[in-house]
Amino acid sequence: MQKPNFVELRQKASKMLDDRVRILTAGLSLNELRAIMRGEPATEKPNPRYKVHTTSFLFHIRPRYYEKASTLFTHTFRLGFFTSFFFFVELITGLILMIYYIPSPDHAYQSVYKLVSEIPFGQMLRDIHRLGAEAMVIFTALHMFRTYLTGSYKKERSFTWLTGVILLLTTLLLSFSGYLLPWDQLAYWAVTIGTSMAEAAPLFGTQVNLLLRGAPDISTNGLLRFYLLHVVLMPLVAILVISIHYYKVSREHGISLPAKYDEGGVTPEEKKVGKTRIDFIPDLFTHEIFLTALGLMFMIWATSSFYHAPLEHIANPQQTPLDTMAPWYFLWLQGMLKIDPASIIKGWFATIGLRVELSQILNSKQIMGIVLPTILFGVLFAVPYLDRNPNRSLFKRPWAVAIGLLFAMTIILLSYMGLPTYGIETPAATRIVQDLAPMEGLGPLRAVPFDQLQPGVYEVDKTPTEKLCPKLDYGCPALEAVFKQYTDRVNQARDTNKLPNVQALMIIEDWQENLRKVTLRILWTPANATEPLSYENHVFLHKDHNRD
């Protein structure tokens, strides 16, 4: 019997292994993979690296190559890539979070609290999910702004721009629908404010509000609807829109070149180099792997060092916390609601001696909260059709660029106006105490280490702001800083006659074992008052209150 030839066995084994590798890599052989790793040209003809884009499900949506100038970092800043990157981070982390989350008002808050306090790496997982959501909003908006400034929405790219606007709206709705799920005070009242705006919509605003909340007030039905929006409907819409958007870019028109390459701003030699093809495999694929690693490293570093998703007290429909505000990416809308068009127009007419009453016609909530934002997004959709200038260069589109910059600055200004302290007068004593020990959030007082909260009565202008804790060898600098801030704020209010004849105390008591009670008490006597007025707040701080 003839013994099998070792060389033949080796060749058969190599072929079997090569066949399996080709199946797994959609046509790439072992030699081809080795060539890709070494940065060498293709080993076969036709180029098997192009075949991957035809046969592979994952690579089908990606182009075979890009033109070199379109890949310049200063042209795209990789904003589109990071938008998709953060979306996939949200999908993966969201699927894991669904394992622990219970979409019920009776259990939602407890399930999130258990996740961050008992599940290994639960806090980091939730932090990454929240950071990814906010980053996706930022990068989607920046990507659209970059596209606008470079004129990359013109001609064959107009439909791609429309999908980008839809993606921006989808991203905002994704973040907003997930905002309610922790069921804490911050989430409950922010979403209550947001959904109440729907009620101002003409014709069927009340029905829309009820459809969102599931009842006059947000409860079980409302939480379940927001949960399903967040984990089912909006992700499916996002996947569809991103797929269309990527397909248009990858298979139809590609990433736009910098305007100077299309409009004669470079020499023929530079244009030829700029139009050189760069294959997606391996050059751009390895670059995207690097960007992915960079993004993951940043998120892990951020969530382990300074960024933490807030979790306030459990939602309480009976108590509205001070300084309630919408999510930061909707502050511009909250700022618009502080503008009353009826009062502005009334003031204009008053300058010429006419009195008009327009408060019923120009409802601020309806005009500034529904009508005007709808018009703004309508204009965004229509940008490719409104801008008839055929040029893309910044210097050849001065009006379009000026309008874009003005729009961005307006959004920033409105966001500042949307802060809870802007345009809203809070009584001085309430404002001082709220800033030191906010009803929701950390604040300076809660940041003081427990051992520095030395029991005693500290009175403004009578107790020195230094050396408050002589019994401690290292002193209590954190408590001294808070008391000094308290003293300065009270004296400032006294000097501006907001708190005349004021007396302010900070009282620290041992309340229970490992629990101390801090009372901030302010008494003042307005002019012509027979008895002083007072405001105080009690803060209970446990020994472990400010541990991460």
Protein backbone atom coordinates (compact mmCIF):
# COMPACT_ATOMS: atom_id res chain seq x y z
CA MET A 1 0.00 0.00 0.00
CA GLN A 2 1.45 3.35 -1.06
CA LYS A 3 2.01 5.80 1.78
CA PRO A 4 0.48 9.28 1.33
CA ASN A 5 2.91 11.89 0.10
CA PHE A 6 3.63 14.46 2.83
CA VAL A 7 3.85 17.28 0.29
CA GLU A 8 0.48 16.34 -1.21
CA LEU A 9 -1.13 16.23 2.22
CA ARG A 10 0.29 19.63 3.03
CA GLN A 11 -0.98 21.05 -0.25
CA LYS A 12 -4.46 19.60 0.33
CA ALA A 13 -4.54 20.96 3.89
CA SER A 14 -3.39 24.37 2.68
CA LYS A 15 -6.05 24.39 -0.03
CA MET A 16 -8.78 23.38 2.42
CA LEU A 17 -7.67 26.11 4.82
CA ASP A 18 -7.46 28.63 1.99
CA ASP A 19 -10.98 27.73 0.82
CA ARG A 20 -12.37 28.25 4.32
CA VAL A 21 -10.57 31.59 4.63
CA ARG A 22 -12.00 32.72 1.28
CA ILE A 23 -15.48 31.82 2.49
CA LEU A 24 -15.05 33.77 5.74
CA THR A 25 -13.43 36.82 4.07
CA ALA A 26 -15.71 36.95 1.01
CA GLY A 27 -12.96 35.98 -1.43
CA LEU A 28 -9.63 36.91 0.18
CA SER A 29 -6.99 34.16 0.24
CA LEU A 30 -4.32 33.64 2.86
CA ASN A 31 -1.73 35.19 0.56
CA GLU A 32 -4.02 38.14 -0.06
CA LEU A 33 -4.52 38.69 3.66
CA ARG A 34 -0.77 38.55 4.12
CA ALA A 35 -0.31 41.13 1.35
CA ILE A 36 -2.93 43.40 2.93
CA MET A 37 -1.16 43.25 6.29
CA ARG A 38 2.14 44.15 4.63
CA GLY A 39 0.65 46.96 2.55
CA GLU A 40 1.49 45.16 -0.70
CA PRO A 41 -0.53 45.21 -3.95
CA ALA A 42 -3.13 42.57 -4.80
CA THR A 43 -1.79 39.07 -5.47
CA GLU A 44 -4.52 38.01 -7.92
CA LYS A 45 -6.42 39.31 -10.92
CA PRO A 46 -9.13 40.49 -10.96
CA ASN A 47 -8.48 42.31 -7.69
CA PRO A 48 -10.14 40.15 -4.95
CA ARG A 49 -10.31 43.16 -2.66
CA TYR A 50 -12.96 44.66 -4.95
CA LYS A 51 -14.89 41.39 -4.92
CA VAL A 52 -15.35 41.76 -1.16
CA HIS A 53 -17.57 44.81 -1.73
CA THR A 54 -19.81 42.74 -4.02
CA THR A 55 -20.14 39.53 -2.01
CA SER A 56 -19.80 40.69 1.61
CA PHE A 57 -22.86 41.85 3.52
CA LEU A 58 -20.80 44.12 5.78
CA PHE A 59 -18.70 45.70 3.03
CA HIS A 60 -21.42 45.97 0.39
CA ILE A 61 -22.43 49.42 1.60
CA ARG A 62 -18.85 50.70 1.53
CA PRO A 63 -17.17 52.00 -1.67
CA ARG A 64 -14.29 50.23 -3.37
CA TYR A 65 -12.19 53.37 -3.28
CA TYR A 66 -12.22 57.08 -2.48
CA GLU A 67 -10.50 59.94 -4.27
CA LYS A 68 -7.49 61.04 -2.28
CA ALA A 69 -8.51 64.67 -1.77
CA SER A 70 -11.88 63.63 -0.33
CA THR A 71 -10.11 61.81 2.52
CA LEU A 72 -8.21 64.87 3.76
CA PHE A 73 -8.81 65.25 7.50
CA THR A 74 -9.28 69.01 7.24
CA HIS A 75 -12.05 68.45 4.68
CA THR A 76 -14.28 66.01 6.62
CA PHE A 77 -12.77 65.88 10.13
CA ARG A 78 -14.18 62.30 10.12
CA LEU A 79 -17.46 63.69 11.47
CA GLY A 80 -19.63 61.34 9.44
CA PHE A 81 -17.65 58.30 10.54
CA PHE A 82 -17.89 59.20 14.22
CA THR A 83 -21.63 59.79 13.89
CA SER A 84 -22.01 56.18 12.74
CA PHE A 85 -19.48 54.99 15.32
CA PHE A 86 -21.44 56.46 18.21
CA PHE A 87 -24.68 55.04 16.82
CA PHE A 88 -23.27 51.51 16.87
CA VAL A 89 -21.91 52.11 20.39
CA GLU A 90 -25.46 53.04 21.37
CA LEU A 91 -26.87 49.89 19.77
CA ILE A 92 -24.44 47.56 21.53
CA THR A 93 -24.57 49.20 24.97
CA GLY A 94 -28.34 49.66 24.70
CA LEU A 95 -28.90 45.96 24.05
CA ILE A 96 -26.90 45.12 27.19
CA LEU A 97 -28.74 47.73 29.28
CA MET A 98 -32.09 46.24 28.19
CA ILE A 99 -31.19 43.08 30.12
CA TYR A 100 -31.33 44.94 33.43
CA TYR A 101 -33.97 47.61 32.73
CA ILE A 102 -37.62 47.24 33.70
CA PRO A 103 -39.93 49.75 31.91
CA SER A 104 -42.32 50.35 34.78
CA PRO A 105 -42.60 53.37 37.11
CA ASP A 106 -42.48 50.99 40.08
CA HIS A 107 -39.22 49.37 39.00
CA ALA A 108 -37.46 51.59 36.44
CA TYR A 109 -35.53 53.74 38.92
CA GLN A 110 -34.60 50.76 41.10
CA SER A 111 -33.37 48.77 38.09
CA VAL A 112 -31.09 51.63 37.02
CA TYR A 113 -29.86 52.11 40.58
CA LYS A 114 -29.14 48.40 40.88
CA LEU A 115 -27.26 48.51 37.57
CA VAL A 116 -24.91 51.29 38.67
CA SER A 117 -24.43 50.07 42.23
CA GLU A 118 -24.39 46.26 42.03
CA ILE A 119 -23.65 45.11 38.47
CA PRO A 120 -19.92 44.90 37.63
CA PHE A 121 -19.03 47.74 35.23
CA GLY A 122 -22.70 48.76 35.24
CA GLN A 123 -21.91 52.39 35.98
CA MET A 124 -19.35 52.54 33.16
CA LEU A 125 -21.77 50.87 30.76
CA ARG A 126 -24.48 53.42 31.51
CA ASP A 127 -21.97 56.28 31.32
CA ILE A 128 -20.75 55.12 27.90
CA HIS A 129 -24.33 54.86 26.66
CA ARG A 130 -25.18 58.37 27.84
CA LEU A 131 -21.90 59.84 26.55
CA GLY A 132 -22.42 58.14 23.18
CA ALA A 133 -25.92 59.60 22.91
CA GLU A 134 -24.73 63.14 23.55
CA ALA A 135 -21.70 62.69 21.29
CA MET A 136 -23.94 61.44 18.48
CA VAL A 137 -26.05 64.61 18.71
CA ILE A 138 -22.91 66.77 18.60
CA PHE A 139 -21.26 64.95 15.68
CA THR A 140 -24.48 64.77 13.65
CA ALA A 141 -24.95 68.53 13.98
CA LEU A 142 -21.27 69.26 13.22
CA HIS A 143 -21.34 66.92 10.22
CA MET A 144 -24.33 68.76 8.78
CA PHE A 145 -22.70 72.13 9.46
CA ARG A 146 -19.50 70.98 7.72
CA THR A 147 -21.54 69.75 4.76
CA TYR A 148 -23.29 73.12 4.58
CA LEU A 149 -20.09 75.19 4.73
CA THR A 150 -18.38 73.10 2.04
CA GLY A 151 -21.45 73.23 -0.22
CA SER A 152 -21.59 69.44 -0.35
CA TYR A 153 -25.39 69.42 -0.63
CA LYS A 154 -25.60 70.65 -4.22
CA LYS A 155 -26.70 68.86 -7.39
CA GLU A 156 -26.64 65.06 -7.06
CA ARG A 157 -26.07 65.31 -3.30
CA SER A 158 -29.34 67.12 -2.55
CA PHE A 159 -31.20 63.92 -1.61
CA THR A 160 -28.29 62.87 0.62
CA TRP A 161 -28.68 66.20 2.43
CA LEU A 162 -32.37 65.43 3.01
CA THR A 163 -31.49 62.10 4.59
CA GLY A 164 -28.98 63.96 6.78
CA VAL A 165 -31.69 66.30 8.08
CA ILE A 166 -33.92 63.29 8.80
CA LEU A 167 -30.98 61.67 10.61
CA LEU A 168 -30.56 64.81 12.74
CA LEU A 169 -34.24 64.71 13.73
CA THR A 170 -34.01 60.98 14.40
CA THR A 171 -30.94 61.49 16.60
CA LEU A 172 -32.72 64.18 18.62
CA LEU A 173 -35.77 61.95 19.09
CA LEU A 174 -33.58 58.99 20.04
CA SER A 175 -31.87 61.00 22.76
CA PHE A 176 -35.09 62.60 23.98
CA SER A 177 -37.01 59.31 24.16
CA GLY A 178 -34.20 57.75 26.20
CA TYR A 179 -34.07 60.72 28.55
CA LEU A 180 -37.15 59.58 30.49
CA LEU A 181 -36.07 55.98 31.08
CA PRO A 182 -34.07 56.45 34.34
CA TRP A 183 -37.33 57.79 35.87
CA ASP A 184 -35.59 60.33 38.09
CA GLN A 185 -36.58 63.93 38.75
CA LEU A 186 -34.27 65.31 36.08
CA ALA A 187 -35.74 63.04 33.40
CA TYR A 188 -39.38 63.20 34.48
CA TRP A 189 -39.70 66.97 34.52
CA ALA A 190 -37.56 67.55 31.42
CA VAL A 191 -39.81 65.21 29.43
CA THR A 192 -42.93 66.69 31.05
CA ILE A 193 -41.87 70.12 29.77
CA GLY A 194 -41.03 68.73 26.34
CA THR A 195 -44.26 66.84 25.82
CA SER A 196 -46.33 69.76 27.10
CA MET A 197 -45.17 71.73 24.08
CA ALA A 198 -46.97 69.28 21.80
CA GLU A 199 -50.23 70.43 23.38
CA ALA A 200 -49.71 73.85 21.84
CA ALA A 201 -49.71 72.45 18.31
CA PRO A 202 -52.63 73.75 16.21
CA LEU A 203 -55.72 71.61 15.60
CA PHE A 204 -54.70 68.32 17.27
CA GLY A 205 -52.08 69.32 19.86
CA THR A 206 -54.07 67.83 22.73
CA GLN A 207 -54.34 64.48 20.95
CA VAL A 208 -50.59 64.43 20.21
CA ASN A 209 -49.83 65.18 23.85
CA LEU A 210 -52.08 62.33 25.01
CA LEU A 211 -50.55 60.01 22.40
CA LEU A 212 -47.07 60.70 23.75
CA ARG A 213 -47.93 60.53 27.45
CA GLY A 214 -50.63 57.88 27.29
CA ALA A 215 -52.56 59.92 29.88
CA PRO A 216 -52.85 63.55 31.03
CA ASP A 217 -49.69 62.99 33.12
CA ILE A 218 -46.69 60.79 32.38
CA SER A 219 -47.00 57.45 34.11
CA THR A 220 -46.94 53.75 33.19
CA ASN A 221 -48.28 54.21 29.65
CA GLY A 222 -46.00 57.14 28.95
CA LEU A 223 -42.87 55.38 30.18
CA LEU A 224 -43.67 52.26 28.14
CA ARG A 225 -44.28 54.32 25.00
CA PHE A 226 -41.00 56.19 25.38
CA TYR A 227 -39.23 52.89 26.01
CA LEU A 228 -40.62 51.34 22.82
CA LEU A 229 -39.80 54.49 20.87
CA HIS A 230 -36.25 54.37 22.18
CA VAL A 231 -35.48 50.68 21.70
CA VAL A 232 -37.61 49.74 18.68
CA LEU A 233 -39.05 52.44 16.43
CA MET A 234 -36.32 55.12 16.42
CA PRO A 235 -33.38 52.66 16.09
CA LEU A 236 -35.09 51.04 13.09
CA VAL A 237 -35.64 54.46 11.52
CA ALA A 238 -32.02 55.39 12.23
CA ILE A 239 -30.69 52.17 10.68
CA LEU A 240 -32.80 52.75 7.57
CA VAL A 241 -31.75 56.39 7.17
CA ILE A 242 -28.06 55.73 7.86
CA SER A 243 -28.12 52.89 5.33
CA ILE A 244 -29.66 55.09 2.64
CA HIS A 245 -27.28 57.93 3.50
CA TYR A 246 -24.21 55.68 3.36
CA TYR A 247 -25.36 54.00 0.16
CA LYS A 248 -25.81 57.33 -1.61
CA VAL A 249 -22.34 58.45 -0.54
CA SER A 250 -20.62 55.14 -1.20
CA ARG A 251 -22.23 53.94 -4.41
CA GLU A 252 -23.55 56.99 -6.23
CA HIS A 253 -21.58 60.18 -5.75
CA GLY A 254 -18.88 59.59 -3.14
CA ILE A 255 -17.55 62.14 -0.68
CA SER A 256 -17.27 65.55 -2.29
CA LEU A 257 -13.81 66.84 -3.10
CA PRO A 258 -12.71 70.13 -1.55
CA ALA A 259 -14.22 72.94 -3.62
CA LYS A 260 -10.86 74.11 -4.96
CA TYR A 261 -10.42 70.81 -6.85
CA ASP A 262 -13.75 71.24 -8.64
CA GLU A 263 -13.54 74.97 -9.28
CA GLY A 264 -10.02 75.43 -10.62
CA GLY A 265 -8.30 76.45 -7.42
CA VAL A 266 -5.38 74.05 -7.90
CA THR A 267 -2.92 73.24 -10.67
CA PRO A 268 -3.64 70.34 -13.06
CA GLU A 269 -0.90 68.31 -11.35
CA GLU A 270 -2.43 68.88 -7.90
CA LYS A 271 -5.88 68.02 -9.23
CA LYS A 272 -4.54 64.79 -10.73
CA VAL A 273 -2.98 63.82 -7.39
CA GLY A 274 -6.18 64.76 -5.56
CA LYS A 275 -8.23 62.48 -7.80
CA THR A 276 -5.91 59.51 -7.26
CA ARG A 277 -7.89 56.49 -6.11
CA ILE A 278 -7.26 55.11 -2.62
CA ASP A 279 -8.63 51.61 -2.14
CA PHE A 280 -10.88 51.10 0.83
CA ILE A 281 -9.09 47.81 1.58
CA PRO A 282 -6.60 48.08 3.15
CA ASP A 283 -5.84 51.81 3.51
CA LEU A 284 -9.13 53.31 4.61
CA PHE A 285 -10.31 50.17 6.39
CA THR A 286 -7.26 50.15 8.65
CA HIS A 287 -7.72 53.89 9.21
CA GLU A 288 -11.30 53.29 10.37
CA ILE A 289 -10.09 50.54 12.71
CA PHE A 290 -7.69 53.10 14.19
CA LEU A 291 -10.48 55.68 14.57
CA THR A 292 -12.70 53.07 16.24
CA ALA A 293 -9.94 52.20 18.73
CA LEU A 294 -9.37 55.91 19.36
CA GLY A 295 -13.07 56.51 19.98
CA LEU A 296 -13.37 53.57 22.38
CA MET A 297 -10.24 54.62 24.27
CA PHE A 298 -11.61 58.15 24.67
CA MET A 299 -14.99 56.94 25.92
CA ILE A 300 -13.43 54.56 28.44
CA TRP A 301 -11.05 57.28 29.66
CA ALA A 302 -13.82 59.90 29.88
CA THR A 303 -16.27 57.67 31.76
CA SER A 304 -13.60 56.44 34.17
CA SER A 305 -12.27 59.91 34.99
CA PHE A 306 -14.72 62.79 34.70
CA TYR A 307 -17.96 61.95 32.85
CA HIS A 308 -20.78 60.29 34.77
CA ALA A 309 -24.42 59.98 33.72
CA PRO A 310 -26.51 61.70 36.42
CA LEU A 311 -29.09 59.83 38.47
CA GLU A 312 -31.11 62.13 40.70
CA HIS A 313 -33.91 61.38 43.15
CA ILE A 314 -36.73 59.15 41.98
CA ALA A 315 -39.39 60.92 39.93
CA ASN A 316 -41.93 62.77 42.04
CA PRO A 317 -44.90 64.20 40.11
CA GLN A 318 -45.90 66.20 43.20
CA GLN A 319 -42.67 68.18 43.48
CA THR A 320 -41.20 70.30 40.70
CA PRO A 321 -37.49 70.89 41.37
CA LEU A 322 -35.97 74.31 40.90
CA ASP A 323 -33.97 74.96 37.72
CA THR A 324 -35.79 72.31 35.73
CA MET A 325 -34.61 72.39 32.15
CA ALA A 326 -34.73 70.43 28.93
CA PRO A 327 -31.76 68.33 27.78
CA TRP A 328 -28.90 70.62 26.72
CA TYR A 329 -29.50 69.93 23.02
CA PHE A 330 -33.02 71.35 23.39
CA LEU A 331 -31.99 74.43 25.37
CA TRP A 332 -32.30 76.51 22.19
CA LEU A 333 -35.98 75.57 22.09
CA GLN A 334 -36.43 76.41 25.76
CA GLY A 335 -34.74 79.75 25.05
CA MET A 336 -37.20 80.45 22.25
CA LEU A 337 -40.11 79.83 24.61
CA LYS A 338 -38.85 82.71 26.78
CA ILE A 339 -39.45 85.09 23.86
CA ASP A 340 -42.96 86.51 23.76
CA PRO A 341 -43.70 87.81 20.24
CA ALA A 342 -46.93 89.46 21.41
CA SER A 343 -45.05 91.61 23.94
CA ILE A 344 -42.39 92.54 21.39
CA ILE A 345 -44.92 93.65 18.78
CA LYS A 346 -46.93 95.44 21.47
CA GLY A 347 -43.79 97.37 22.39
CA TRP A 348 -43.23 98.36 18.76
CA PHE A 349 -46.77 99.72 18.47
CA ALA A 350 -46.41 101.51 21.83
CA THR A 351 -43.52 103.55 20.43
CA ILE A 352 -45.93 105.15 17.96
CA GLY A 353 -48.69 105.60 20.53
CA LEU A 354 -50.88 102.62 19.63
CA ARG A 355 -52.14 99.97 22.03
CA VAL A 356 -52.73 96.46 20.70
CA GLU A 357 -53.40 93.18 22.45
CA LEU A 358 -52.03 90.16 20.60
CA SER A 359 -51.51 87.67 23.41
CA GLN A 360 -54.44 85.53 22.26
CA ILE A 361 -53.39 85.52 18.62
CA LEU A 362 -49.61 85.20 19.10
CA ASN A 363 -49.43 82.50 21.72
CA SER A 364 -45.74 82.28 22.64
CA LYS A 365 -45.81 78.54 23.29
CA GLN A 366 -47.49 77.87 19.96
CA ILE A 367 -45.49 80.29 17.82
CA MET A 368 -42.04 79.87 19.39
CA GLY A 369 -42.39 76.24 20.43
CA ILE A 370 -44.17 74.68 17.45
CA VAL A 371 -44.56 76.94 14.41
CA LEU A 372 -41.12 78.54 14.26
CA PRO A 373 -39.10 75.32 14.90
CA THR A 374 -41.16 73.59 12.20
CA ILE A 375 -40.31 76.40 9.79
CA LEU A 376 -36.62 76.18 10.71
CA PHE A 377 -36.45 72.46 9.96
CA GLY A 378 -38.46 73.06 6.79
CA VAL A 379 -35.81 75.55 5.68
CA LEU A 380 -33.10 72.98 6.48
CA PHE A 381 -34.84 70.46 4.21
CA ALA A 382 -35.09 73.07 1.46
CA VAL A 383 -31.48 74.32 1.60
CA PRO A 384 -30.36 72.58 -1.65
CA TYR A 385 -33.29 74.14 -3.49
CA LEU A 386 -33.02 77.62 -1.95
CA ASP A 387 -29.30 77.99 -2.62
CA ARG A 388 -29.08 78.46 -6.40
CA ASN A 389 -25.42 79.51 -6.39
CA PRO A 390 -23.56 76.85 -8.45
CA ASN A 391 -20.29 77.42 -6.57
CA ARG A 392 -19.17 75.53 -3.47
CA SER A 393 -16.22 77.62 -2.32
CA LEU A 394 -16.62 79.59 0.91
CA PHE A 395 -15.37 82.74 -0.80
CA LYS A 396 -17.83 82.45 -3.67
CA ARG A 397 -20.86 81.94 -1.40
CA PRO A 398 -20.66 84.89 1.06
CA TRP A 399 -24.41 85.12 1.68
CA ALA A 400 -24.89 81.41 2.26
CA VAL A 401 -21.88 81.23 4.59
CA ALA A 402 -23.01 84.34 6.51
CA ILE A 403 -26.51 82.91 6.97
CA GLY A 404 -25.05 79.59 8.18
CA LEU A 405 -22.77 81.27 10.70
CA LEU A 406 -25.61 83.53 11.88
CA PHE A 407 -27.84 80.47 12.33
CA ALA A 408 -25.16 78.70 14.41
CA MET A 409 -24.58 81.76 16.60
CA THR A 410 -28.34 82.16 17.07
CA ILE A 411 -28.65 78.56 18.25
CA ILE A 412 -25.81 79.15 20.74
CA LEU A 413 -27.41 82.38 21.99
CA LEU A 414 -30.85 80.76 22.33
CA SER A 415 -29.27 77.84 24.20
CA TYR A 416 -27.79 80.31 26.67
CA MET A 417 -31.19 81.95 27.03
CA GLY A 418 -32.64 78.50 27.70
CA LEU A 419 -30.63 78.08 30.91
CA PRO A 420 -32.99 78.02 33.91
CA THR A 421 -31.37 81.07 35.51
CA TYR A 422 -31.72 83.30 32.42
CA GLY A 423 -34.64 85.70 32.44
CA ILE A 424 -36.23 84.12 35.51
CA GLU A 425 -36.08 86.04 38.77
CA THR A 426 -35.70 83.75 41.77
CA PRO A 427 -35.93 85.23 45.30
CA ALA A 428 -32.43 86.02 46.53
CA ALA A 429 -32.47 83.67 49.53
CA THR A 430 -33.83 80.80 47.43
CA ARG A 431 -31.22 81.43 44.74
CA ILE A 432 -28.33 81.41 47.21
CA VAL A 433 -29.37 78.18 48.89
CA GLN A 434 -30.20 76.52 45.56
CA ASP A 435 -26.74 77.33 44.16
CA LEU A 436 -25.01 75.91 47.23
CA ALA A 437 -27.24 72.85 47.67
CA PRO A 438 -29.42 72.31 44.57
CA MET A 439 -32.53 70.20 44.91
CA GLU A 440 -31.15 67.92 42.17
CA GLY A 441 -27.48 67.48 41.39
CA LEU A 442 -24.30 67.65 43.45
CA GLY A 443 -23.55 71.28 44.27
CA PRO A 444 -20.72 72.70 46.43
CA LEU A 445 -22.18 71.61 49.79
CA ARG A 446 -22.67 67.96 48.83
CA ALA A 447 -19.11 67.87 47.49
CA VAL A 448 -17.69 68.54 50.98
CA PRO A 449 -16.09 65.38 52.48
CA PHE A 450 -18.05 63.99 55.40
CA ASP A 451 -15.21 64.34 57.92
CA GLN A 452 -14.99 68.08 57.16
CA LEU A 453 -18.66 68.63 58.05
CA GLN A 454 -17.83 69.54 61.65
CA PRO A 455 -20.94 70.07 63.82
CA GLY A 456 -21.50 73.66 64.86
CA VAL A 457 -23.34 76.90 64.18
CA TYR A 458 -21.66 79.11 61.59
CA GLU A 459 -23.09 82.61 61.24
CA VAL A 460 -22.31 84.91 58.33
CA ASP A 461 -20.15 87.94 59.29
CA LYS A 462 -19.69 86.63 62.82
CA THR A 463 -17.95 83.33 62.22
CA PRO A 464 -14.57 83.72 60.43
CA THR A 465 -14.44 82.00 57.04
CA GLU A 466 -11.05 80.50 57.90
CA LYS A 467 -9.96 77.89 60.43
CA LEU A 468 -13.48 76.59 60.95
CA CYS A 469 -12.21 73.21 62.15
CA PRO A 470 -9.40 73.72 64.69
CA LYS A 471 -9.84 70.16 65.97
CA LEU A 472 -8.76 68.72 62.60
CA ASP A 473 -5.03 68.64 61.96
CA TYR A 474 -5.53 69.22 58.24
CA GLY A 475 -8.42 71.66 58.67
CA CYS A 476 -11.54 71.66 56.50
CA PRO A 477 -10.74 73.63 53.33
CA ALA A 478 -13.79 72.35 51.43
CA LEU A 479 -16.20 73.48 54.16
CA GLU A 480 -14.39 76.82 54.46
CA ALA A 481 -14.75 77.37 50.70
CA VAL A 482 -18.50 76.69 50.85
CA PHE A 483 -18.99 78.94 53.88
CA LYS A 484 -17.00 81.73 52.23
CA GLN A 485 -19.14 81.44 49.12
CA TYR A 486 -22.24 81.52 51.33
CA THR A 487 -20.94 84.63 53.11
CA ASP A 488 -20.06 86.43 49.88
CA ARG A 489 -23.42 85.71 48.28
CA VAL A 490 -25.38 86.83 51.34
CA ASN A 491 -23.37 90.06 51.66
CA GLN A 492 -23.81 90.77 47.96
CA ALA A 493 -27.58 90.38 48.31
CA ARG A 494 -27.52 92.62 51.37
CA ASP A 495 -25.51 95.33 49.60
CA THR A 496 -27.94 95.34 46.64
CA ASN A 497 -30.88 95.58 49.08
CA LYS A 498 -32.28 92.23 48.01
CA LEU A 499 -31.87 90.93 51.58
CA PRO A 500 -32.05 93.92 53.94
CA ASN A 501 -31.19 93.36 57.59
CA VAL A 502 -30.11 89.85 56.79
CA GLN A 503 -28.95 87.13 59.17
CA ALA A 504 -27.65 83.90 57.67
CA LEU A 505 -26.70 80.67 59.41
CA MET A 506 -25.22 77.34 58.44
CA ILE A 507 -25.96 74.73 61.11
CA ILE A 508 -24.32 71.30 61.05
CA GLU A 509 -25.68 68.61 63.40
CA ASP A 510 -25.05 64.95 64.06
CA TRP A 511 -28.44 63.53 63.14
CA GLN A 512 -27.88 59.77 63.24
CA GLU A 513 -24.92 57.48 63.14
CA ASN A 514 -22.88 58.36 60.03
CA LEU A 515 -25.51 60.97 59.06
CA ARG A 516 -25.32 64.73 59.47
CA LYS A 517 -27.92 67.39 58.90
CA VAL A 518 -26.92 70.73 57.37
CA THR A 519 -29.39 73.59 57.66
CA LEU A 520 -28.97 76.72 55.53
CA ARG A 521 -31.15 79.41 57.10
CA ILE A 522 -31.57 83.00 55.92
CA LEU A 523 -33.66 85.61 57.75
CA TRP A 524 -34.22 89.16 56.49
CA THR A 525 -36.54 92.08 57.22
CA PRO A 526 -37.81 94.08 54.24
CA ALA A 527 -38.53 97.79 54.63
CA ASN A 528 -41.82 98.56 56.37
CA ALA A 529 -42.13 94.91 57.53
CA THR A 530 -42.94 94.20 61.15
CA GLU A 531 -41.56 90.65 61.21
CA PRO A 532 -38.59 89.08 59.48
CA LEU A 533 -39.03 86.69 56.59
CA SER A 534 -37.10 83.43 56.47
CA TYR A 535 -36.05 80.69 54.09
CA GLU A 536 -34.23 77.52 54.99
CA ASN A 537 -33.29 74.20 53.50
CA HIS A 538 -32.24 70.96 55.18
CA VAL A 539 -29.64 68.72 53.57
CA PHE A 540 -28.94 65.26 54.98
CA LEU A 541 -25.48 63.93 54.15
CA HIS A 542 -24.39 60.36 54.78
CA LYS A 543 -20.81 59.34 55.41
CA ASP A 544 -20.64 57.87 51.92
CA HIS A 545 -22.61 60.63 50.23
CA ASN A 546 -19.89 61.84 47.86
CA ARG A 547 -18.15 58.60 47.05
CA ASP A 548 -18.04 57.56 43.39
